[in-house]
């Protein structure tokens, strides 16, 4: 397990959803190499799809970040 401090910088996501995103990211970092960004992102998206269905897709862009979309 990677040790460090994660934080949510800026979002309008509900706190519960932020916690789910952090938990999914932590789980992904336990499963994949820290440099395997695609697998980590895919894992987080899969977890959101399972938890929230179509609503998860609305928040996915916020988790991924605007700079990653270009």
Protein backbone atom coordinates (compact mmCIF):
# COMPACT_ATOMS: atom_id res chain seq x y z
CA UNK A 1 0.00 0.00 0.00
CA UNK A 2 1.24 3.46 -0.88
CA UNK A 3 1.52 5.79 2.03
CA UNK A 4 0.77 9.44 1.53
CA UNK A 5 -1.85 12.09 1.80
CA UNK A 6 -4.55 12.43 -0.78
CA UNK A 7 -6.94 15.33 -0.94
CA UNK A 8 -9.77 16.68 -3.03
CA UNK A 9 -8.65 20.01 -4.37
CA UNK A 10 -11.85 21.52 -5.75
CA UNK A 11 -15.18 19.91 -6.55
CA UNK A 12 -18.90 20.26 -6.22
CA UNK A 13 -19.30 16.51 -5.74
CA UNK A 14 -21.24 15.43 -2.66
CA UNK A 15 -18.96 14.40 0.22
CA UNK A 16 -20.16 10.79 0.06
CA UNK A 17 -19.18 10.61 -3.62
CA UNK A 18 -15.78 12.16 -2.85
CA UNK A 19 -15.18 9.46 -0.27
CA UNK A 20 -16.16 6.76 -2.78
CA UNK A 21 -13.76 8.22 -5.32
CA UNK A 22 -10.93 8.28 -2.78
CA UNK A 23 -11.65 4.69 -1.73
CA UNK A 24 -11.68 3.52 -5.36
CA UNK A 25 -8.41 5.35 -6.05
CA UNK A 26 -6.77 3.84 -2.99
CA UNK A 27 -7.93 0.38 -4.01
CA UNK A 28 -6.63 0.92 -7.56
CA UNK A 29 -3.23 1.99 -6.25
CA UNK A 30 -3.05 -1.23 -4.24
CA UNK A 31 -3.84 -3.27 -7.36
CA UNK A 32 -1.79 -1.49 -10.04
CA UNK A 33 1.62 0.10 -10.42
CA UNK A 34 1.47 3.81 -9.63
CA UNK A 35 2.64 4.60 -13.19
CA UNK A 36 -0.13 2.50 -14.81
CA UNK A 37 -2.48 5.46 -15.09
CA UNK A 38 -4.85 3.85 -17.59
CA UNK A 39 -5.53 0.84 -15.38
CA UNK A 40 -5.99 3.04 -12.33
CA UNK A 41 -8.43 5.30 -14.17
CA UNK A 42 -10.31 2.30 -15.59
CA UNK A 43 -10.63 0.80 -12.12
CA UNK A 44 -12.04 4.01 -10.65
CA UNK A 45 -14.50 4.38 -13.54
CA UNK A 46 -15.61 0.75 -13.17
CA UNK A 47 -16.25 1.28 -9.46
CA UNK A 48 -18.31 4.40 -10.19
CA UNK A 49 -20.28 2.58 -12.89
CA UNK A 50 -21.09 -0.20 -10.41
CA UNK A 51 -22.03 2.18 -7.60
CA UNK A 52 -23.92 4.85 -9.52
CA UNK A 53 -24.68 3.63 -13.03
CA UNK A 54 -25.33 6.51 -15.42
CA UNK A 55 -24.92 9.11 -12.67
CA UNK A 56 -21.30 7.97 -12.26
CA UNK A 57 -20.57 9.05 -15.82
CA UNK A 58 -21.62 12.61 -15.02
CA UNK A 59 -19.01 12.82 -12.27
CA UNK A 60 -16.33 10.86 -14.14
CA UNK A 61 -14.97 13.95 -15.93
CA UNK A 62 -14.46 15.65 -12.57
CA UNK A 63 -12.55 12.70 -11.18
CA UNK A 64 -10.43 12.37 -14.29
CA UNK A 65 -9.74 16.07 -14.46
CA UNK A 66 -10.06 18.54 -17.28
CA UNK A 67 -6.33 18.48 -18.12
CA UNK A 68 -6.50 14.72 -18.80
CA UNK A 69 -9.14 15.18 -21.46
CA UNK A 70 -6.87 16.95 -23.93
